[in-house]
């Protein structure tokens, strides 16, 4: 039984997840793809710019593609910046 708040927050073992906290641990792998997510985000952001070249005539589609692509790449840039400077706080 944990007596202090620090003991309550302490992980059960190095890098393991308790099945009581995360029920999905019992049926499979439990993790994330941080690098894969960033790579996929950059690919999709650049694909948005590539879709500007097409057979559409209006500028509305171009504005949406540029806006969504720029927003996605800006979000990825913010995430990379946040990850690099998080230890300094």
N, C-alpha and C. Protein backbone atom coordinates (compact mmCIF):
# COMPACT_ATOMS: atom_id res chain seq x y z
N UNK A 1 0.84 -1.17 0.00
CA UNK A 1 0.00 0.00 0.00
C UNK A 1 0.90 1.25 0.00
N UNK A 2 0.61 2.20 -0.86
CA UNK A 2 1.40 3.42 -0.98
C UNK A 2 1.04 4.38 0.14
N UNK A 3 2.06 4.87 0.81
CA UNK A 3 1.84 5.78 1.93
C UNK A 3 1.92 7.24 1.53
N UNK A 4 2.75 7.55 0.57
CA UNK A 4 2.93 8.94 0.18
C UNK A 4 2.48 9.13 -1.27
N UNK A 5 2.32 10.39 -1.64
CA UNK A 5 1.91 10.71 -3.01
C UNK A 5 2.98 10.28 -4.01
N UNK A 6 4.25 10.38 -3.63
CA UNK A 6 5.34 9.99 -4.51
C UNK A 6 5.30 8.49 -4.80
N UNK A 7 5.00 7.69 -3.79
CA UNK A 7 4.91 6.26 -4.00
C UNK A 7 3.72 5.90 -4.88
N UNK A 8 2.65 6.66 -4.81
CA UNK A 8 1.49 6.41 -5.64
C UNK A 8 1.80 6.67 -7.11
N UNK A 9 2.60 7.71 -7.39
CA UNK A 9 2.93 8.06 -8.77
C UNK A 9 4.07 7.24 -9.32
N UNK A 10 4.79 6.54 -8.50
CA UNK A 10 5.94 5.76 -8.92
C UNK A 10 5.49 4.58 -9.79
N UNK A 11 6.11 4.38 -10.96
CA UNK A 11 5.71 3.26 -11.82
C UNK A 11 6.03 1.93 -11.15
N UNK A 12 5.29 0.90 -11.54
CA UNK A 12 5.47 -0.41 -10.93
C UNK A 12 6.84 -0.99 -11.25
N UNK A 13 7.32 -0.82 -12.43
CA UNK A 13 8.66 -1.25 -12.84
C UNK A 13 9.10 -0.35 -13.98
N UNK A 14 10.37 -0.43 -14.31
CA UNK A 14 10.91 0.45 -15.34
C UNK A 14 10.27 0.17 -16.69
N UNK A 15 9.45 1.11 -17.17
CA UNK A 15 8.87 1.00 -18.50
C UNK A 15 7.65 0.10 -18.61
N UNK A 16 7.12 -0.41 -17.53
CA UNK A 16 5.95 -1.27 -17.62
C UNK A 16 4.69 -0.49 -17.28
N UNK A 17 3.57 -1.02 -17.74
CA UNK A 17 2.28 -0.40 -17.50
C UNK A 17 1.44 -1.39 -16.71
N UNK A 18 0.80 -0.92 -15.68
CA UNK A 18 -0.03 -1.77 -14.84
C UNK A 18 -1.34 -2.11 -15.55
N UNK A 19 -1.74 -3.38 -15.58
CA UNK A 19 -3.02 -3.74 -16.20
C UNK A 19 -4.21 -3.09 -15.49
N UNK A 20 -4.05 -2.75 -14.23
CA UNK A 20 -5.14 -2.07 -13.51
C UNK A 20 -5.36 -0.66 -14.05
N UNK A 21 -4.28 -0.01 -14.48
CA UNK A 21 -4.39 1.35 -15.01
C UNK A 21 -4.77 1.36 -16.49
N UNK A 22 -4.26 0.43 -17.24
CA UNK A 22 -4.50 0.34 -18.68
C UNK A 22 -4.97 -1.07 -19.03
N UNK A 23 -6.27 -1.30 -19.14
CA UNK A 23 -6.77 -2.66 -19.41
C UNK A 23 -6.29 -3.25 -20.74
N UNK A 24 -5.93 -2.42 -21.71
CA UNK A 24 -5.50 -2.95 -23.01
C UNK A 24 -4.16 -3.67 -22.94
N UNK A 25 -3.44 -3.56 -21.84
CA UNK A 25 -2.16 -4.24 -21.70
C UNK A 25 -2.35 -5.75 -21.76
N UNK A 26 -3.48 -6.24 -21.29
CA UNK A 26 -3.72 -7.67 -21.24
C UNK A 26 -3.82 -8.30 -22.63
N UNK A 27 -4.29 -7.57 -23.63
CA UNK A 27 -4.53 -8.17 -24.93
C UNK A 27 -3.56 -7.73 -26.02
N UNK A 28 -2.55 -6.95 -25.69
CA UNK A 28 -1.62 -6.60 -26.76
C UNK A 28 -0.61 -5.55 -26.37
N UNK A 29 0.12 -5.14 -27.38
CA UNK A 29 1.17 -4.15 -27.20
C UNK A 29 0.56 -2.82 -26.82
N UNK A 30 1.23 -2.09 -25.94
CA UNK A 30 0.72 -0.82 -25.45
C UNK A 30 1.81 0.23 -25.63
N UNK A 31 1.64 1.10 -26.60
CA UNK A 31 2.65 2.10 -26.84
C UNK A 31 2.21 3.07 -27.92
N UNK A 32 3.15 3.88 -28.40
CA UNK A 32 2.84 4.85 -29.44
C UNK A 32 4.01 4.92 -30.42
N UNK A 33 3.80 5.65 -31.50
CA UNK A 33 4.82 5.81 -32.53
C UNK A 33 5.16 7.29 -32.65
N UNK A 34 5.98 7.85 -31.77
CA UNK A 34 6.23 9.29 -31.84
C UNK A 34 6.93 9.73 -33.13
N UNK A 35 7.94 9.00 -33.57
CA UNK A 35 8.63 9.37 -34.81
C UNK A 35 7.76 9.10 -36.03
N UNK A 36 7.04 7.99 -36.00
CA UNK A 36 6.15 7.65 -37.11
C UNK A 36 5.04 8.67 -37.28
N UNK A 37 4.53 9.17 -36.18
CA UNK A 37 3.48 10.19 -36.23
C UNK A 37 4.00 11.47 -36.86
N UNK A 38 5.20 11.88 -36.50
CA UNK A 38 5.77 13.10 -37.08
C UNK A 38 6.06 12.92 -38.57
N UNK A 39 6.59 11.77 -38.94
CA UNK A 39 6.90 11.51 -40.35
C UNK A 39 5.61 11.49 -41.17
N UNK A 40 4.57 10.83 -40.66
CA UNK A 40 3.30 10.79 -41.37
C UNK A 40 2.68 12.19 -41.48
N UNK A 41 2.82 13.00 -40.43
CA UNK A 41 2.29 14.36 -40.47
C UNK A 41 2.98 15.22 -41.51
N UNK A 42 4.30 15.10 -41.61
CA UNK A 42 5.04 15.86 -42.62
C UNK A 42 4.65 15.39 -44.02
N UNK A 43 4.51 14.08 -44.19
CA UNK A 43 4.12 13.53 -45.49
C UNK A 43 2.74 14.06 -45.90
N UNK A 44 1.78 14.03 -45.00
CA UNK A 44 0.43 14.50 -45.32
C UNK A 44 0.43 16.00 -45.57
N UNK A 45 1.20 16.76 -44.78
CA UNK A 45 1.28 18.21 -45.01
C UNK A 45 1.84 18.54 -46.38
N UNK A 46 2.89 17.82 -46.78
CA UNK A 46 3.46 18.06 -48.12
C UNK A 46 2.53 17.55 -49.21
N UNK A 47 1.78 16.49 -48.94
CA UNK A 47 0.82 15.98 -49.92
C UNK A 47 -0.28 17.01 -50.16
N UNK A 48 -0.63 17.78 -49.14
CA UNK A 48 -1.62 18.85 -49.32
C UNK A 48 -1.14 19.87 -50.35
N UNK A 49 0.13 20.21 -50.27
CA UNK A 49 0.68 21.16 -51.25
C UNK A 49 0.77 20.54 -52.64
N UNK A 50 1.03 19.24 -52.71
CA UNK A 50 1.10 18.57 -54.01
C UNK A 50 -0.28 18.50 -54.67
N UNK A 51 -1.35 18.49 -53.88
CA UNK A 51 -2.69 18.41 -54.44
C UNK A 51 -3.16 19.73 -55.05
N UNK A 52 -2.38 20.80 -54.88
CA UNK A 52 -2.72 22.07 -55.52
C UNK A 52 -2.64 21.92 -57.04
N UNK A 53 -1.70 21.09 -57.49
CA UNK A 53 -1.56 20.83 -58.92
C UNK A 53 -2.67 19.87 -59.32
N UNK A 54 -3.62 20.34 -60.07
CA UNK A 54 -4.74 19.49 -60.44
C UNK A 54 -5.60 20.15 -61.50
N UNK A 55 -6.77 19.59 -61.70
CA UNK A 55 -7.63 20.09 -62.76
C UNK A 55 -8.74 21.01 -62.24
N UNK A 56 -8.63 21.51 -61.01
CA UNK A 56 -9.65 22.42 -60.51
C UNK A 56 -9.34 23.86 -60.97
N UNK A 57 -10.39 24.65 -61.12
CA UNK A 57 -10.19 26.00 -61.66
C UNK A 57 -10.33 27.08 -60.60
N UNK A 58 -11.09 26.86 -59.55
CA UNK A 58 -11.30 27.88 -58.52
C UNK A 58 -10.16 27.93 -57.53
N UNK A 59 -10.06 29.05 -56.82
CA UNK A 59 -9.02 29.21 -55.82
C UNK A 59 -9.46 28.75 -54.44
N UNK A 60 -10.72 28.43 -54.26
CA UNK A 60 -11.20 28.02 -52.94
C UNK A 60 -10.50 26.74 -52.49
N UNK A 61 -10.38 25.78 -53.37
CA UNK A 61 -9.70 24.53 -53.02
C UNK A 61 -8.23 24.79 -52.71
N UNK A 62 -7.59 25.67 -53.47
CA UNK A 62 -6.18 25.99 -53.21
C UNK A 62 -6.01 26.61 -51.83
N UNK A 63 -6.91 27.52 -51.47
CA UNK A 63 -6.81 28.18 -50.16
C UNK A 63 -6.95 27.16 -49.03
N UNK A 64 -7.91 26.26 -49.15
CA UNK A 64 -8.10 25.23 -48.12
C UNK A 64 -6.89 24.29 -48.05
N UNK A 65 -6.37 23.87 -49.19
CA UNK A 65 -5.21 22.98 -49.19
C UNK A 65 -3.99 23.65 -48.57
N UNK A 66 -3.75 24.90 -48.93
CA UNK A 66 -2.61 25.63 -48.36
C UNK A 66 -2.80 25.85 -46.86
N UNK A 67 -4.00 26.22 -46.47
CA UNK A 67 -4.27 26.47 -45.04
C UNK A 67 -4.12 25.22 -44.19
N UNK A 68 -4.70 24.12 -44.64
CA UNK A 68 -4.61 22.88 -43.88
C UNK A 68 -3.17 22.35 -43.86
N UNK A 69 -2.49 22.40 -44.99
CA UNK A 69 -1.10 21.94 -45.04
C UNK A 69 -0.19 22.78 -44.17
N UNK A 70 -0.35 24.11 -44.24
CA UNK A 70 0.48 24.99 -43.41
C UNK A 70 0.17 24.80 -41.93
N UNK A 71 -1.10 24.63 -41.60
CA UNK A 71 -1.48 24.41 -40.21
C UNK A 71 -0.92 23.10 -39.66
N UNK A 72 -0.96 22.08 -40.48
CA UNK A 72 -0.42 20.79 -40.07
C UNK A 72 1.09 20.86 -39.87
N UNK A 73 1.79 21.46 -40.79
CA UNK A 73 3.25 21.59 -40.65
C UNK A 73 3.62 22.50 -39.49
N UNK A 74 2.84 23.55 -39.25
CA UNK A 74 3.10 24.42 -38.10
C UNK A 74 2.89 23.66 -36.79
N UNK A 75 1.86 22.83 -36.74
CA UNK A 75 1.64 22.02 -35.54
C UNK A 75 2.75 21.04 -35.30
N UNK A 76 3.27 20.46 -36.35
CA UNK A 76 4.39 19.53 -36.21
C UNK A 76 5.64 20.27 -35.76
N UNK A 77 5.86 21.44 -36.32
CA UNK A 77 7.00 22.26 -35.88
C UNK A 77 6.90 22.64 -34.42
N UNK A 78 5.69 22.99 -33.97
CA UNK A 78 5.47 23.33 -32.57
C UNK A 78 5.74 22.11 -31.67
N UNK A 79 5.30 20.94 -32.10
CA UNK A 79 5.51 19.71 -31.33
C UNK A 79 6.99 19.40 -31.21
N UNK A 80 7.74 19.54 -32.30
CA UNK A 80 9.19 19.29 -32.26
C UNK A 80 9.87 20.30 -31.34
N UNK A 81 9.49 21.57 -31.45
CA UNK A 81 10.07 22.60 -30.58
C UNK A 81 9.74 22.33 -29.12
N UNK A 82 8.52 21.94 -28.84
CA UNK A 82 8.09 21.65 -27.47
C UNK A 82 8.85 20.46 -26.90
N UNK A 83 9.07 19.42 -27.71
CA UNK A 83 9.82 18.25 -27.24
C UNK A 83 11.28 18.57 -26.97
N UNK A 84 11.86 19.46 -27.75
CA UNK A 84 13.27 19.78 -27.58
C UNK A 84 13.52 20.69 -26.38
N UNK A 85 12.55 21.51 -26.03
CA UNK A 85 12.77 22.47 -24.95
C UNK A 85 12.01 22.11 -23.67
N UNK A 86 11.37 20.94 -23.60
CA UNK A 86 10.56 20.60 -22.43
C UNK A 86 11.42 20.38 -21.18
N UNK A 87 12.66 19.95 -21.33
CA UNK A 87 13.50 19.68 -20.17
C UNK A 87 14.03 20.96 -19.53
N UNK A 88 13.95 22.08 -20.22
CA UNK A 88 14.49 23.35 -19.72
C UNK A 88 13.57 24.06 -18.75
N UNK A 89 12.33 23.65 -18.66
CA UNK A 89 11.36 24.35 -17.82
C UNK A 89 11.52 24.06 -16.37
